[in-house]
Every structure is written in C-alpha cells, then in structure tokens.
C-alpha cells in the first residue's frame, strides 16, 4: 500500500504533470528569501529559462536586488533536489520587477458597509460669527435633529 507522498511523487513523475515539479522548485527558491520579502512576492514564473519574481511593492524588489547575487551563487553551488528532478538547467537567470496592478482580495469583494446610529441629538450651541458657516452649521444641526426624531 502506498502512502500519500509516494502517490504524489508517482503522479509528478508522469510527463503530463511535469509542471508540478517546476512549481515545487520555484517554491524552494522562494523559501530562500526572508519572510517579509516572501510576503511581497505577488507570483513567480519561468519564461525562456529565466525565473521571474513579480513583486507588489518596490521595497520587495529592492531587497531582492540586494540578495540576488548571494542566491544566484548559492543555486550554482547547490541546486535543490526538486529542481534537479525536473530539469538540470531549469533556469539560467533570475530577474524581478514590480507590478502596479492591485492584488485582488476576496475580503474586499464581500465587504459589508457598516452603518452607525447617530449619537448626537443636535442640541449644541453655535457660536460662529461668519454668516455662511453659521447657516451651514444650522443646516447640519437640523439634519441631525430630524434624523434623531425619526
């Protein structure tokens, strides 16, 4: 009887699921960065033997640029086993850029508008000598009184 890990490995070794091993390799390379930089990574992909990191903030790219040489040299010295399984030379170069498109958040789409009950009764003194401001404050006071009575 095979366990779950053996089943997943046998599925990944099939040619039609070779992209799964690429994904594992990309996740290993991503884990080499510090956690704050990992949070700023929007997504990662491989194109034309170049590994692209797409950041959602310029600070993430700056931190990436500071650490990229050490990560490139570490990958040349020791390539993770997950990357060796899919292709010995999966990527030759690593680059990064910042995307300016907003990240879609599921919480924003289900946002519920919070409405609060007016706590003021509209009983306050108005000590403004300017006629325009005085009439504006009286209008606001009347609106508050009408809503409080309703």
C-alpha atoms as a PDB file:
ATOM      1  CA  UNK A   1       0.000   0.000   0.000  1.00  0.00           C
ATOM      2  CA  UNK A   2       1.402   3.397  -0.996  1.00  0.00           C
ATOM      3  CA  UNK A   3       1.239   6.396   1.282  1.00  0.00           C
ATOM      4  CA  UNK A   4       0.186   9.871   0.100  1.00  0.00           C
ATOM      5  CA  UNK A   5       3.750  11.059  -0.500  1.00  0.00           C
ATOM      6  CA  UNK A   6       4.543   8.109  -2.762  1.00  0.00           C
ATOM      7  CA  UNK A   7       1.326   8.627  -4.745  1.00  0.00           C
ATOM      8  CA  UNK A   8       2.077  12.321  -5.270  1.00  0.00           C
ATOM      9  CA  UNK A   9       5.650  11.561  -6.356  1.00  0.00           C
ATOM     10  CA  UNK A  10       4.463   8.930  -8.843  1.00  0.00           C
ATOM     11  CA  UNK A  11       1.941  11.379 -10.301  1.00  0.00           C
ATOM     12  CA  UNK A  12       4.565  14.122 -10.597  1.00  0.00           C
ATOM     13  CA  UNK A  13       6.925  11.824 -12.452  1.00  0.00           C
ATOM     14  CA  UNK A  14       4.426  11.454 -15.304  1.00  0.00           C
ATOM     15  CA  UNK A  15       5.083  13.727 -18.304  1.00  0.00           C
ATOM     16  CA  UNK A  16       1.641  15.353 -18.269  1.00  0.00           C
ATOM     17  CA  UNK A  17       2.244  16.591 -14.702  1.00  0.00           C
ATOM     18  CA  UNK A  18       5.808  17.824 -15.150  1.00  0.00           C
ATOM     19  CA  UNK A  19       4.750  21.397 -14.330  1.00  0.00           C
ATOM     20  CA  UNK A  20       4.108  20.307 -10.742  1.00  0.00           C
ATOM     21  CA  UNK A  21       7.803  19.659 -10.231  1.00  0.00           C
ATOM     22  CA  UNK A  22       8.527  23.146 -11.623  1.00  0.00           C
ATOM     23  CA  UNK A  23       6.174  24.560  -9.013  1.00  0.00           C
ATOM     24  CA  UNK A  24       7.996  22.711  -6.229  1.00  0.00           C
ATOM     25  CA  UNK A  25      11.328  24.031  -7.478  1.00  0.00           C
ATOM     26  CA  UNK A  26      10.013  27.595  -7.606  1.00  0.00           C
ATOM     27  CA  UNK A  27       8.688  27.295  -4.037  1.00  0.00           C
ATOM     28  CA  UNK A  28      12.093  26.070  -2.818  1.00  0.00           C
ATOM     29  CA  UNK A  29      13.828  29.060  -4.415  1.00  0.00           C
ATOM     30  CA  UNK A  30      11.196  31.396  -2.949  1.00  0.00           C
ATOM     31  CA  UNK A  31      11.821  29.976   0.520  1.00  0.00           C
ATOM     32  CA  UNK A  32      15.445  31.171   0.313  1.00  0.00           C
ATOM     33  CA  UNK A  33      14.253  34.755   0.838  1.00  0.00           C
ATOM     34  CA  UNK A  34      13.360  36.284   4.172  1.00  0.00           C
ATOM     35  CA  UNK A  35       9.682  36.083   5.222  1.00  0.00           C
ATOM     36  CA  UNK A  36       8.992  39.819   4.701  1.00  0.00           C
ATOM     37  CA  UNK A  37      10.280  39.577   1.122  1.00  0.00           C
ATOM     38  CA  UNK A  38       8.237  36.405   0.567  1.00  0.00           C
ATOM     39  CA  UNK A  39       5.073  38.290   1.551  1.00  0.00           C
ATOM     40  CA  UNK A  40       5.785  40.953  -1.068  1.00  0.00           C
ATOM     41  CA  UNK A  41       6.123  38.398  -3.886  1.00  0.00           C
ATOM     42  CA  UNK A  42       2.965  38.507  -5.972  1.00  0.00           C
ATOM     43  CA  UNK A  43       3.807  35.480  -8.144  1.00  0.00           C
ATOM     44  CA  UNK A  44       6.743  33.689  -9.772  1.00  0.00           C
ATOM     45  CA  UNK A  45       7.073  32.150 -13.225  1.00  0.00           C
ATOM     46  CA  UNK A  46       9.654  30.733 -15.621  1.00  0.00           C
ATOM     47  CA  UNK A  47       9.922  32.035 -19.179  1.00  0.00           C
ATOM     48  CA  UNK A  48      12.753  31.468 -21.654  1.00  0.00           C
ATOM     49  CA  UNK A  49      14.929  29.847 -18.988  1.00  0.00           C
ATOM     50  CA  UNK A  50      14.625  32.918 -16.753  1.00  0.00           C
ATOM     51  CA  UNK A  51      12.982  32.824 -13.343  1.00  0.00           C
ATOM     52  CA  UNK A  52      10.873  35.962 -12.871  1.00  0.00           C
ATOM     53  CA  UNK A  53       9.788  37.264  -9.472  1.00  0.00           C
ATOM     54  CA  UNK A  54       6.881  39.701  -9.597  1.00  0.00           C
ATOM     55  CA  UNK A  55       6.649  41.948  -6.552  1.00  0.00           C
ATOM     56  CA  UNK A  56       3.708  44.013  -5.385  1.00  0.00           C
ATOM     57  CA  UNK A  57       5.895  46.658  -3.716  1.00  0.00           C
ATOM     58  CA  UNK A  58       9.138  48.403  -4.773  1.00  0.00           C
ATOM     59  CA  UNK A  59      10.750  47.725  -1.382  1.00  0.00           C
ATOM     60  CA  UNK A  60      10.458  43.986  -2.040  1.00  0.00           C
ATOM     61  CA  UNK A  61      12.280  44.362  -5.342  1.00  0.00           C
ATOM     62  CA  UNK A  62      14.984  46.468  -3.698  1.00  0.00           C
ATOM     63  CA  UNK A  63      15.517  43.813  -1.018  1.00  0.00           C
ATOM     64  CA  UNK A  64      15.503  41.165  -3.756  1.00  0.00           C
ATOM     65  CA  UNK A  65      18.186  43.077  -5.682  1.00  0.00           C
ATOM     66  CA  UNK A  66      20.307  43.241  -2.526  1.00  0.00           C
ATOM     67  CA  UNK A  67      20.128  39.454  -2.029  1.00  0.00           C
ATOM     68  CA  UNK A  68      20.050  38.200  -5.619  1.00  0.00           C
ATOM     69  CA  UNK A  69      23.785  37.691  -6.077  1.00  0.00           C
ATOM     70  CA  UNK A  70      24.053  35.538  -2.966  1.00  0.00           C
ATOM     71  CA  UNK A  71      21.073  33.440  -4.057  1.00  0.00           C
ATOM     72  CA  UNK A  72      22.427  33.007  -7.595  1.00  0.00           C
ATOM     73  CA  UNK A  73      25.772  31.839  -6.262  1.00  0.00           C
ATOM     74  CA  UNK A  74      24.077  29.501  -3.784  1.00  0.00           C
ATOM     75  CA  UNK A  75      21.977  27.978  -6.569  1.00  0.00           C
ATOM     76  CA  UNK A  76      25.054  27.456  -8.769  1.00  0.00           C
ATOM     77  CA  UNK A  77      26.850  25.782  -5.885  1.00  0.00           C
ATOM     78  CA  UNK A  78      23.919  23.675  -4.744  1.00  0.00           C
ATOM     79  CA  UNK A  79      20.759  23.175  -6.798  1.00  0.00           C
ATOM     80  CA  UNK A  80      17.845  21.781  -4.700  1.00  0.00           C
ATOM     81  CA  UNK A  81      16.813  18.188  -5.396  1.00  0.00           C
ATOM     82  CA  UNK A  82      13.354  19.309  -6.573  1.00  0.00           C
ATOM     83  CA  UNK A  83      14.962  21.420  -9.303  1.00  0.00           C
ATOM     84  CA  UNK A  84      17.300  18.617 -10.386  1.00  0.00           C
ATOM     85  CA  UNK A  85      14.378  16.225 -10.830  1.00  0.00           C
ATOM     86  CA  UNK A  86      12.501  18.410 -13.314  1.00  0.00           C
ATOM     87  CA  UNK A  87      15.459  19.717 -15.342  1.00  0.00           C
ATOM     88  CA  UNK A  88      19.123  20.215 -14.552  1.00  0.00           C
ATOM     89  CA  UNK A  89      19.152  23.678 -16.134  1.00  0.00           C
ATOM     90  CA  UNK A  90      15.597  24.802 -15.496  1.00  0.00           C
ATOM     91  CA  UNK A  91      16.589  28.464 -15.389  1.00  0.00           C
ATOM     92  CA  UNK A  92      19.805  30.315 -16.133  1.00  0.00           C
ATOM     93  CA  UNK A  93      18.952  33.759 -14.829  1.00  0.00           C
ATOM     94  CA  UNK A  94      16.787  35.311 -12.135  1.00  0.00           C
ATOM     95  CA  UNK A  95      15.065  38.670 -12.619  1.00  0.00           C
ATOM     96  CA  UNK A  96      12.449  40.710 -10.806  1.00  0.00           C
ATOM     97  CA  UNK A  97      10.024  43.520 -11.488  1.00  0.00           C
ATOM     98  CA  UNK A  98       7.217  45.328  -9.712  1.00  0.00           C
ATOM     99  CA  UNK A  99       3.622  45.089 -10.842  1.00  0.00           C
ATOM    100  CA  UNK A 100       1.398  48.067 -10.279  1.00  0.00           C
ATOM    101  CA  UNK A 101      -1.877  46.224 -10.641  1.00  0.00           C
ATOM    102  CA  UNK A 102      -3.686  45.866  -7.325  1.00  0.00           C
ATOM    103  CA  UNK A 103      -3.858  42.452  -5.777  1.00  0.00           C
ATOM    104  CA  UNK A 104      -7.428  41.201  -5.729  1.00  0.00           C
ATOM    105  CA  UNK A 105      -8.558  40.435  -2.247  1.00  0.00           C
ATOM    106  CA  UNK A 106     -11.537  38.192  -1.513  1.00  0.00           C
ATOM    107  CA  UNK A 107     -12.343  40.211   1.602  1.00  0.00           C
ATOM    108  CA  UNK A 108     -12.877  43.389  -0.416  1.00  0.00           C
ATOM    109  CA  UNK A 109     -15.499  41.812  -2.671  1.00  0.00           C
ATOM    110  CA  UNK A 110     -17.641  40.684   0.281  1.00  0.00           C
ATOM    111  CA  UNK A 111     -17.291  43.950   2.163  1.00  0.00           C
ATOM    112  CA  UNK A 112     -20.363  44.928   4.172  1.00  0.00           C
ATOM    113  CA  UNK A 113     -20.997  48.609   4.714  1.00  0.00           C
ATOM    114  CA  UNK A 114     -21.227  49.368   8.417  1.00  0.00           C
ATOM    115  CA  UNK A 115     -23.855  51.949   9.347  1.00  0.00           C
ATOM    116  CA  UNK A 116     -23.804  53.578  12.763  1.00  0.00           C
ATOM    117  CA  UNK A 117     -26.728  55.188  14.561  1.00  0.00           C
ATOM    118  CA  UNK A 118     -26.380  58.949  15.032  1.00  0.00           C
ATOM    119  CA  UNK A 119     -25.388  59.567  18.641  1.00  0.00           C
ATOM    120  CA  UNK A 120     -25.873  63.321  18.621  1.00  0.00           C
ATOM    121  CA  UNK A 121     -29.300  64.801  19.357  1.00  0.00           C
ATOM    122  CA  UNK A 122     -28.493  68.103  17.671  1.00  0.00           C
ATOM    123  CA  UNK A 123     -28.639  70.112  20.883  1.00  0.00           C
ATOM    124  CA  UNK A 124     -25.496  72.203  20.732  1.00  0.00           C
ATOM    125  CA  UNK A 125     -24.711  75.909  20.734  1.00  0.00           C
ATOM    126  CA  UNK A 126     -23.458  77.612  17.598  1.00  0.00           C
ATOM    127  CA  UNK A 127     -21.058  80.490  18.303  1.00  0.00           C
ATOM    128  CA  UNK A 128     -19.890  81.333  14.791  1.00  0.00           C
ATOM    129  CA  UNK A 129     -19.974  84.932  13.568  1.00  0.00           C
ATOM    130  CA  UNK A 130     -19.463  84.182   9.867  1.00  0.00           C
ATOM    131  CA  UNK A 131     -22.924  84.073   8.228  1.00  0.00           C
ATOM    132  CA  UNK A 132     -22.088  81.336   5.673  1.00  0.00           C
ATOM    133  CA  UNK A 133     -20.609  78.988   8.272  1.00  0.00           C
ATOM    134  CA  UNK A 134     -23.387  79.774  10.729  1.00  0.00           C
ATOM    135  CA  UNK A 135     -26.100  78.848   8.192  1.00  0.00           C
ATOM    136  CA  UNK A 136     -24.190  75.701   7.216  1.00  0.00           C
ATOM    137  CA  UNK A 137     -23.915  74.568  10.853  1.00  0.00           C
ATOM    138  CA  UNK A 138     -27.645  75.316  11.392  1.00  0.00           C
ATOM    139  CA  UNK A 139     -28.443  73.144   8.361  1.00  0.00           C
ATOM    140  CA  UNK A 140     -26.335  70.287   9.776  1.00  0.00           C
ATOM    141  CA  UNK A 141     -27.984  70.742  13.179  1.00  0.00           C
ATOM    142  CA  UNK A 142     -31.465  70.498  11.612  1.00  0.00           C
ATOM    143  CA  UNK A 143     -30.497  67.337   9.707  1.00  0.00           C
ATOM    144  CA  UNK A 144     -29.233  65.726  12.926  1.00  0.00           C
ATOM    145  CA  UNK A 145     -32.404  66.713  14.830  1.00  0.00           C
ATOM    146  CA  UNK A 146     -34.643  65.314  12.052  1.00  0.00           C
ATOM    147  CA  UNK A 147     -32.761  62.018  11.987  1.00  0.00           C
ATOM    148  CA  UNK A 148     -32.744  61.746  15.763  1.00  0.00           C
ATOM    149  CA  UNK A 149     -36.522  62.289  15.951  1.00  0.00           C
ATOM    150  CA  UNK A 150     -37.248  59.724  13.229  1.00  0.00           C
END
